[in-house]
Amino acid sequence: MRKGVITINKNSLIIWLLTGETLKFEGVENLENNDNELNFDYFGVSTQVKRSAVFNQLNIAGFALEQ
């Protein structure tokens, strides 16, 4: 996976977890991918609230970012 800060402009992000679950986030900004965590801000479509998320890298099988 790419490491460091990834500059993006409100794109969609899909995360695949090792448990087989798939998560989708909209309006993603300020994504930072390091050895321990994947951090980003996103807009909750159902709640209409801007939030921050942190995922432990040990739980992530992979992710895809809209270009």
C-alpha atoms as a PDB file:
ATOM      1  CA  MET A   1       0.000   0.000   0.000  1.00  0.00           C
ATOM      2  CA  ARG A   2       1.115   3.558  -0.613  1.00  0.00           C
ATOM      3  CA  LYS A   3       2.477   5.173   2.544  1.00  0.00           C
ATOM      4  CA  GLY A   4       2.356   8.800   3.671  1.00  0.00           C
ATOM      5  CA  VAL A   5      -0.099  11.601   3.078  1.00  0.00           C
ATOM      6  CA  ILE A   6      -2.182  11.192  -0.064  1.00  0.00           C
ATOM      7  CA  THR A   7      -3.625  14.472  -1.318  1.00  0.00           C
ATOM      8  CA  ILE A   8      -7.173  13.954  -2.542  1.00  0.00           C
ATOM      9  CA  ASN A   9     -10.211  16.090  -3.215  1.00  0.00           C
ATOM     10  CA  LYS A  10     -13.410  14.550  -1.823  1.00  0.00           C
ATOM     11  CA  ASN A  11     -13.167  11.153  -3.494  1.00  0.00           C
ATOM     12  CA  SER A  12     -14.765   7.814  -2.687  1.00  0.00           C
ATOM     13  CA  LEU A  13     -12.735   5.302  -0.655  1.00  0.00           C
ATOM     14  CA  ILE A  14     -13.430   1.574  -0.388  1.00  0.00           C
ATOM     15  CA  ILE A  15     -11.749  -0.465   2.373  1.00  0.00           C
ATOM     16  CA  TRP A  16     -11.692  -4.273   2.438  1.00  0.00           C
ATOM     17  CA  LEU A  17     -11.278  -5.720   5.924  1.00  0.00           C
ATOM     18  CA  LEU A  18      -9.656  -9.070   6.736  1.00  0.00           C
ATOM     19  CA  THR A  19     -13.050 -10.209   8.079  1.00  0.00           C
ATOM     20  CA  GLY A  20     -14.457  -9.990   4.524  1.00  0.00           C
ATOM     21  CA  GLU A  21     -16.432  -6.810   5.139  1.00  0.00           C
ATOM     22  CA  THR A  22     -16.352  -3.942   2.637  1.00  0.00           C
ATOM     23  CA  LEU A  23     -16.670  -0.320   3.766  1.00  0.00           C
ATOM     24  CA  LYS A  24     -17.378   2.660   1.497  1.00  0.00           C
ATOM     25  CA  PHE A  25     -16.723   6.296   2.405  1.00  0.00           C
ATOM     26  CA  GLU A  26     -17.690   9.409   0.427  1.00  0.00           C
ATOM     27  CA  GLY A  27     -16.175  12.883   0.413  1.00  0.00           C
ATOM     28  CA  VAL A  28     -12.815  11.587   1.641  1.00  0.00           C
ATOM     29  CA  GLU A  29     -10.109  14.168   2.360  1.00  0.00           C
ATOM     30  CA  ASN A  30      -6.790  14.329   4.253  1.00  0.00           C
ATOM     31  CA  LEU A  31      -5.994  10.646   3.825  1.00  0.00           C
ATOM     32  CA  GLU A  32      -2.832   9.527   5.619  1.00  0.00           C
ATOM     33  CA  ASN A  33      -1.511   5.993   5.237  1.00  0.00           C
ATOM     34  CA  ASN A  34       1.338   4.936   7.545  1.00  0.00           C
ATOM     35  CA  ASP A  35       2.695   1.662   8.947  1.00  0.00           C
ATOM     36  CA  ASN A  36       0.154   1.500  11.784  1.00  0.00           C
ATOM     37  CA  GLU A  37      -2.971   3.401  10.718  1.00  0.00           C
ATOM     38  CA  LEU A  38      -5.080   4.642   7.841  1.00  0.00           C
ATOM     39  CA  ASN A  39      -6.554   8.051   8.801  1.00  0.00           C
ATOM     40  CA  PHE A  40      -8.948  10.263   6.846  1.00  0.00           C
ATOM     41  CA  ASP A  41     -11.849  12.690   7.033  1.00  0.00           C
ATOM     42  CA  TYR A  42     -15.117  11.862   5.270  1.00  0.00           C
ATOM     43  CA  PHE A  43     -18.706  12.985   4.855  1.00  0.00           C
ATOM     44  CA  GLY A  44     -21.332  10.622   6.303  1.00  0.00           C
ATOM     45  CA  VAL A  45     -24.006  10.322   3.613  1.00  0.00           C
ATOM     46  CA  SER A  46     -26.711   8.933   5.908  1.00  0.00           C
ATOM     47  CA  THR A  47     -25.920  11.260   8.842  1.00  0.00           C
ATOM     48  CA  GLN A  48     -24.961  14.341   6.776  1.00  0.00           C
ATOM     49  CA  VAL A  49     -22.057  14.923   9.198  1.00  0.00           C
ATOM     50  CA  LYS A  50     -18.342  15.337   8.506  1.00  0.00           C
ATOM     51  CA  ARG A  51     -16.254  12.846  10.537  1.00  0.00           C
ATOM     52  CA  SER A  52     -12.715  11.566  11.001  1.00  0.00           C
ATOM     53  CA  ALA A  53     -11.834   7.865  10.846  1.00  0.00           C
ATOM     54  CA  VAL A  54      -8.835   5.817  11.975  1.00  0.00           C
ATOM     55  CA  PHE A  55      -8.288   2.177  10.986  1.00  0.00           C
ATOM     56  CA  ASN A  56      -5.599  -0.128  12.328  1.00  0.00           C
ATOM     57  CA  GLN A  57      -3.514  -1.449   9.402  1.00  0.00           C
ATOM     58  CA  LEU A  58      -3.627  -4.960  10.902  1.00  0.00           C
ATOM     59  CA  ASN A  59      -7.358  -5.156  10.060  1.00  0.00           C
ATOM     60  CA  ILE A  60      -7.140  -3.911   6.459  1.00  0.00           C
ATOM     61  CA  ALA A  61      -6.787  -6.316   3.531  1.00  0.00           C
ATOM     62  CA  GLY A  62      -6.690  -3.451   1.009  1.00  0.00           C
ATOM     63  CA  PHE A  63      -8.236  -0.212  -0.150  1.00  0.00           C
ATOM     64  CA  ALA A  64      -9.158   1.590  -3.349  1.00  0.00           C
ATOM     65  CA  LEU A  65      -9.326   5.334  -3.821  1.00  0.00           C
ATOM     66  CA  GLU A  66     -11.292   6.962  -6.644  1.00  0.00           C
ATOM     67  CA  GLN A  67      -8.953   8.897  -8.939  1.00  0.00           C
END
